[in-house]
Amino acid sequence: MGISALCTRLALAALPFSLLGAAPAPAPMVAAVKVGQPAPPFTLRLIRGGNKVSLDELRGNVIVLNFWATWCAPCRKELPTLDRYYELRKDAGLRVYAVATEDSLPVYQLKKLFDVMHIDPVRSIKGPYDVVGNAVPTNIIIDRNGVVRYAKAAALDLDRLNELLVPLLNEKVK
């Protein structure tokens, strides 16, 4: 049996289950984030305490949204660097949020990891934000005035963090 015949059989076999009223899978989110443009509104639901925070509440801060996955080796290397950088620069108005992708560990297991970290882990994000090019890590940086200044799928090391964030942390709110 060929691959296409097998796929057809599997699709037909699943058809009765789809007719039982199961909700369709959500369409993948398309990132509407554009560098140089105002950041679209978002609301983050944090893992710690279930608190919510919005872009409006964060105005005046430099924001890093880090999309990562537990299975991603570059993410595992980048996350401690981001955490240490945040710990050292939070008083300058830096906010870093770690948004775990859906294919990562369950929230109760992520809590253990973030018990020893300083950055805020995110349970969910409401808004048109997602990974760039279906790749992790993805980092989105928003300046103090709410403008997207960086949006790429690439791990950030200390030199790159300094290059991107120091100028933004030195800017004033307009």
C-alpha atoms as a PDB file:
ATOM      1  CA  MET A   1       0.000   0.000   0.000  1.00  0.00           C
ATOM      2  CA  GLY A   2       1.391   3.413  -0.987  1.00  0.00           C
ATOM      3  CA  ILE A   3       1.702   6.406   1.316  1.00  0.00           C
ATOM      4  CA  SER A   4      -1.182   8.306  -0.290  1.00  0.00           C
ATOM      5  CA  ALA A   5      -3.474   5.267  -0.030  1.00  0.00           C
ATOM      6  CA  LEU A   6      -2.538   4.866   3.633  1.00  0.00           C
ATOM      7  CA  CYS A   7      -3.228   8.552   4.300  1.00  0.00           C
ATOM      8  CA  THR A   8      -6.618   8.262   2.584  1.00  0.00           C
ATOM      9  CA  ARG A   9      -7.529   5.214   4.701  1.00  0.00           C
ATOM     10  CA  LEU A  10      -6.488   6.963   7.917  1.00  0.00           C
ATOM     11  CA  ALA A  11      -8.511  10.045   6.995  1.00  0.00           C
ATOM     12  CA  LEU A  12     -11.595   7.937   6.256  1.00  0.00           C
ATOM     13  CA  ALA A  13     -11.151   5.984   9.478  1.00  0.00           C
ATOM     14  CA  ALA A  14     -11.077   9.232  11.473  1.00  0.00           C
ATOM     15  CA  LEU A  15     -14.163  10.671   9.744  1.00  0.00           C
ATOM     16  CA  PRO A  16     -16.741   9.132  12.121  1.00  0.00           C
ATOM     17  CA  PHE A  17     -14.941  10.655  15.123  1.00  0.00           C
ATOM     18  CA  SER A  18     -15.002  14.090  13.538  1.00  0.00           C
ATOM     19  CA  LEU A  19     -18.759  13.809  13.085  1.00  0.00           C
ATOM     20  CA  LEU A  20     -19.327  13.244  16.818  1.00  0.00           C
ATOM     21  CA  GLY A  21     -19.142  16.956  17.508  1.00  0.00           C
ATOM     22  CA  ALA A  22     -15.525  17.212  18.497  1.00  0.00           C
ATOM     23  CA  ALA A  23     -14.231  20.731  18.229  1.00  0.00           C
ATOM     24  CA  PRO A  24     -11.962  21.305  15.253  1.00  0.00           C
ATOM     25  CA  ALA A  25      -8.300  21.858  15.943  1.00  0.00           C
ATOM     26  CA  PRO A  26      -7.455  25.545  16.153  1.00  0.00           C
ATOM     27  CA  ALA A  27      -5.776  27.007  13.110  1.00  0.00           C
ATOM     28  CA  PRO A  28      -2.128  27.829  13.664  1.00  0.00           C
ATOM     29  CA  MET A  29      -1.668  31.425  14.742  1.00  0.00           C
ATOM     30  CA  VAL A  30      -0.010  33.678  12.202  1.00  0.00           C
ATOM     31  CA  ALA A  31       2.306  36.202  13.747  1.00  0.00           C
ATOM     32  CA  ALA A  32       0.999  39.715  13.107  1.00  0.00           C
ATOM     33  CA  VAL A  33       4.048  41.223  14.747  1.00  0.00           C
ATOM     34  CA  LYS A  34       6.110  43.493  12.522  1.00  0.00           C
ATOM     35  CA  VAL A  35       9.411  45.113  13.433  1.00  0.00           C
ATOM     36  CA  GLY A  36       9.119  48.891  13.496  1.00  0.00           C
ATOM     37  CA  GLN A  37       5.345  48.792  14.029  1.00  0.00           C
ATOM     38  CA  PRO A  38       3.318  49.202  17.230  1.00  0.00           C
ATOM     39  CA  ALA A  39       3.049  45.908  19.090  1.00  0.00           C
ATOM     40  CA  PRO A  40      -0.411  44.349  18.860  1.00  0.00           C
ATOM     41  CA  PRO A  41      -2.213  44.111  22.214  1.00  0.00           C
ATOM     42  CA  PHE A  42      -1.663  40.974  24.250  1.00  0.00           C
ATOM     43  CA  THR A  43      -2.621  39.495  27.576  1.00  0.00           C
ATOM     44  CA  LEU A  44      -0.310  37.026  29.291  1.00  0.00           C
ATOM     45  CA  ARG A  45      -1.647  34.537  31.809  1.00  0.00           C
ATOM     46  CA  LEU A  46       1.225  33.716  34.105  1.00  0.00           C
ATOM     47  CA  ILE A  47       1.910  30.313  35.609  1.00  0.00           C
ATOM     48  CA  ARG A  48       2.717  31.765  39.028  1.00  0.00           C
ATOM     49  CA  GLY A  49      -0.573  32.665  40.661  1.00  0.00           C
ATOM     50  CA  GLY A  50      -2.489  32.700  37.379  1.00  0.00           C
ATOM     51  CA  ASN A  51      -2.148  36.496  37.243  1.00  0.00           C
ATOM     52  CA  LYS A  52      -2.743  38.308  33.975  1.00  0.00           C
ATOM     53  CA  VAL A  53      -0.674  41.128  32.552  1.00  0.00           C
ATOM     54  CA  SER A  54      -1.334  43.144  29.401  1.00  0.00           C
ATOM     55  CA  LEU A  55       0.817  45.138  27.033  1.00  0.00           C
ATOM     56  CA  ASP A  56      -0.815  48.348  28.313  1.00  0.00           C
ATOM     57  CA  GLU A  57       0.224  47.518  31.885  1.00  0.00           C
ATOM     58  CA  LEU A  58       3.812  46.995  30.747  1.00  0.00           C
ATOM     59  CA  ARG A  59       4.101  50.296  28.869  1.00  0.00           C
ATOM     60  CA  GLY A  60       7.339  52.041  29.818  1.00  0.00           C
ATOM     61  CA  ASN A  61       9.255  48.765  30.113  1.00  0.00           C
ATOM     62  CA  VAL A  62      11.384  46.921  27.573  1.00  0.00           C
ATOM     63  CA  ILE A  63       9.659  43.564  27.037  1.00  0.00           C
ATOM     64  CA  VAL A  64      11.144  40.292  25.822  1.00  0.00           C
ATOM     65  CA  LEU A  65       8.687  37.546  24.873  1.00  0.00           C
ATOM     66  CA  ASN A  66      10.700  34.339  24.623  1.00  0.00           C
ATOM     67  CA  PHE A  67       8.909  31.425  22.943  1.00  0.00           C
ATOM     68  CA  TRP A  68      10.676  28.199  23.848  1.00  0.00           C
ATOM     69  CA  ALA A  69      10.210  24.444  24.203  1.00  0.00           C
ATOM     70  CA  THR A  70      11.608  21.985  26.715  1.00  0.00           C
ATOM     71  CA  TRP A  71      12.884  19.682  23.949  1.00  0.00           C
ATOM     72  CA  CYS A  72      14.819  22.516  22.224  1.00  0.00           C
ATOM     73  CA  ALA A  73      18.567  22.416  22.994  1.00  0.00           C
ATOM     74  CA  PRO A  74      19.222  26.081  22.030  1.00  0.00           C
ATOM     75  CA  CYS A  75      16.255  27.079  24.239  1.00  0.00           C
ATOM     76  CA  ARG A  76      17.681  25.209  27.223  1.00  0.00           C
ATOM     77  CA  LYS A  77      20.969  27.058  26.754  1.00  0.00           C
ATOM     78  CA  GLU A  78      19.315  30.455  26.203  1.00  0.00           C
ATOM     79  CA  LEU A  79      16.808  30.376  29.077  1.00  0.00           C
ATOM     80  CA  PRO A  80      19.368  30.560  31.934  1.00  0.00           C
ATOM     81  CA  THR A  81      21.149  33.399  30.088  1.00  0.00           C
ATOM     82  CA  LEU A  82      17.871  35.312  29.759  1.00  0.00           C
ATOM     83  CA  ASP A  83      17.087  34.641  33.400  1.00  0.00           C
ATOM     84  CA  ARG A  84      20.434  35.976  34.629  1.00  0.00           C
ATOM     85  CA  TYR A  85      20.231  38.980  32.299  1.00  0.00           C
ATOM     86  CA  TYR A  86      16.742  39.766  33.580  1.00  0.00           C
ATOM     87  CA  GLU A  87      17.874  39.446  37.194  1.00  0.00           C
ATOM     88  CA  LEU A  88      20.625  42.006  36.577  1.00  0.00           C
ATOM     89  CA  ARG A  89      18.595  44.455  34.455  1.00  0.00           C
ATOM     90  CA  LYS A  90      15.025  44.313  35.802  1.00  0.00           C
ATOM     91  CA  ASP A  91      15.582  47.478  37.827  1.00  0.00           C
ATOM     92  CA  ALA A  92      16.318  49.281  34.546  1.00  0.00           C
ATOM     93  CA  GLY A  93      12.813  48.441  33.296  1.00  0.00           C
ATOM     94  CA  LEU A  94      13.351  45.076  31.635  1.00  0.00           C
ATOM     95  CA  ARG A  95      10.581  42.462  31.675  1.00  0.00           C
ATOM     96  CA  VAL A  96      11.170  38.953  30.314  1.00  0.00           C
ATOM     97  CA  TYR A  97       8.396  36.400  29.817  1.00  0.00           C
ATOM     98  CA  ALA A  98       9.017  32.760  28.903  1.00  0.00           C
ATOM     99  CA  VAL A  99       6.184  31.410  26.761  1.00  0.00           C
ATOM    100  CA  ALA A 100       6.371  27.609  26.572  1.00  0.00           C
ATOM    101  CA  THR A 101       5.082  26.144  23.337  1.00  0.00           C
ATOM    102  CA  GLU A 102       2.202  23.676  23.450  1.00  0.00           C
ATOM    103  CA  ASP A 103       4.485  20.703  22.855  1.00  0.00           C
ATOM    104  CA  SER A 104       6.500  21.336  26.022  1.00  0.00           C
ATOM    105  CA  LEU A 105       6.010  19.790  29.450  1.00  0.00           C
ATOM    106  CA  PRO A 106       2.728  20.170  31.363  1.00  0.00           C
ATOM    107  CA  VAL A 107       2.400  23.287  33.514  1.00  0.00           C
ATOM    108  CA  TYR A 108       2.854  21.424  36.818  1.00  0.00           C
ATOM    109  CA  GLN A 109       6.292  20.263  35.639  1.00  0.00           C
ATOM    110  CA  LEU A 110       7.223  23.726  34.369  1.00  0.00           C
ATOM    111  CA  LYS A 111       6.463  25.157  37.823  1.00  0.00           C
ATOM    112  CA  LYS A 112       9.403  23.182  39.225  1.00  0.00           C
ATOM    113  CA  LEU A 113      11.745  24.700  36.672  1.00  0.00           C
ATOM    114  CA  PHE A 114      10.577  28.256  37.250  1.00  0.00           C
ATOM    115  CA  ASP A 115      10.727  27.945  41.038  1.00  0.00           C
ATOM    116  CA  VAL A 116      14.475  28.484  40.645  1.00  0.00           C
ATOM    117  CA  MET A 117      14.253  31.183  37.957  1.00  0.00           C
ATOM    118  CA  HIS A 118      13.420  34.894  38.060  1.00  0.00           C
ATOM    119  CA  ILE A 119      11.690  35.448  34.718  1.00  0.00           C
ATOM    120  CA  ASP A 120       7.943  35.007  34.575  1.00  0.00           C
ATOM    121  CA  PRO A 121       6.694  31.806  32.956  1.00  0.00           C
ATOM    122  CA  VAL A 122       3.595  32.215  30.798  1.00  0.00           C
ATOM    123  CA  ARG A 123       0.754  29.700  30.732  1.00  0.00           C
ATOM    124  CA  SER A 124      -0.921  31.295  27.710  1.00  0.00           C
ATOM    125  CA  ILE A 125      -0.789  34.373  25.534  1.00  0.00           C
ATOM    126  CA  LYS A 126      -3.852  36.014  24.063  1.00  0.00           C
ATOM    127  CA  GLY A 127      -3.035  38.067  21.012  1.00  0.00           C
ATOM    128  CA  PRO A 128      -1.491  37.596  17.569  1.00  0.00           C
ATOM    129  CA  TYR A 129       1.879  36.373  18.842  1.00  0.00           C
ATOM    130  CA  ASP A 130       3.550  33.124  17.897  1.00  0.00           C
ATOM    131  CA  VAL A 131       6.881  31.647  16.931  1.00  0.00           C
ATOM    132  CA  VAL A 132       8.561  32.982  13.802  1.00  0.00           C
ATOM    133  CA  GLY A 133       8.823  30.441  10.989  1.00  0.00           C
ATOM    134  CA  ASN A 134       7.608  27.604  13.237  1.00  0.00           C
ATOM    135  CA  ALA A 135      10.962  27.718  15.051  1.00  0.00           C
ATOM    136  CA  VAL A 136      12.044  28.016  18.647  1.00  0.00           C
ATOM    137  CA  PRO A 137      13.501  29.836  20.312  1.00  0.00           C
ATOM    138  CA  THR A 138      11.703  32.905  19.004  1.00  0.00           C
ATOM    139  CA  ASN A 139      12.268  36.242  20.697  1.00  0.00           C
ATOM    140  CA  ILE A 140      10.109  39.327  20.303  1.00  0.00           C
ATOM    141  CA  ILE A 141      11.392  42.552  21.827  1.00  0.00           C
ATOM    142  CA  ILE A 142       9.113  45.537  22.404  1.00  0.00           C
ATOM    143  CA  ASP A 143      10.528  48.924  23.398  1.00  0.00           C
ATOM    144  CA  ARG A 144       9.309  51.263  26.150  1.00  0.00           C
ATOM    145  CA  ASN A 145       6.926  52.983  23.726  1.00  0.00           C
ATOM    146  CA  GLY A 146       5.254  49.765  22.585  1.00  0.00           C
ATOM    147  CA  VAL A 147       7.055  49.378  19.259  1.00  0.00           C
ATOM    148  CA  VAL A 148       8.336  45.971  18.115  1.00  0.00           C
ATOM    149  CA  ARG A 149      12.094  46.302  17.720  1.00  0.00           C
ATOM    150  CA  TYR A 150      13.077  42.659  17.150  1.00  0.00           C
ATOM    151  CA  ALA A 151      11.243  39.490  16.117  1.00  0.00           C
ATOM    152  CA  LYS A 152      13.317  36.496  15.053  1.00  0.00           C
ATOM    153  CA  ALA A 153      13.704  32.807  15.574  1.00  0.00           C
ATOM    154  CA  ALA A 154      17.194  32.608  17.011  1.00  0.00           C
ATOM    155  CA  ALA A 155      18.774  32.024  20.393  1.00  0.00           C
ATOM    156  CA  LEU A 156      20.207  35.104  22.049  1.00  0.00           C
ATOM    157  CA  ASP A 157      23.578  34.991  23.776  1.00  0.00           C
ATOM    158  CA  LEU A 158      24.919  37.606  26.179  1.00  0.00           C
ATOM    159  CA  ASP A 159      26.593  39.706  23.467  1.00  0.00           C
ATOM    160  CA  ARG A 160      23.423  39.795  21.362  1.00  0.00           C
ATOM    161  CA  LEU A 161      21.279  40.621  24.413  1.00  0.00           C
ATOM    162  CA  ASN A 162      23.536  43.570  25.195  1.00  0.00           C
ATOM    163  CA  GLU A 163      23.511  44.706  21.565  1.00  0.00           C
ATOM    164  CA  LEU A 164      19.701  44.618  21.396  1.00  0.00           C
ATOM    165  CA  LEU A 165      18.646  45.625  24.894  1.00  0.00           C
ATOM    166  CA  VAL A 166      21.140  48.168  26.243  1.00  0.00           C
ATOM    167  CA  PRO A 167      20.132  50.871  23.718  1.00  0.00           C
ATOM    168  CA  LEU A 168      16.440  50.214  24.426  1.00  0.00           C
ATOM    169  CA  LEU A 169      16.937  50.311  28.184  1.00  0.00           C
ATOM    170  CA  ASN A 170      18.688  53.672  27.767  1.00  0.00           C
ATOM    171  CA  GLU A 171      15.782  55.173  25.784  1.00  0.00           C
ATOM    172  CA  LYS A 172      13.171  57.339  27.457  1.00  0.00           C
ATOM    173  CA  VAL A 173       9.417  56.858  27.165  1.00  0.00           C
ATOM    174  CA  LYS A 174       7.922  59.295  24.655  1.00  0.00           C
END
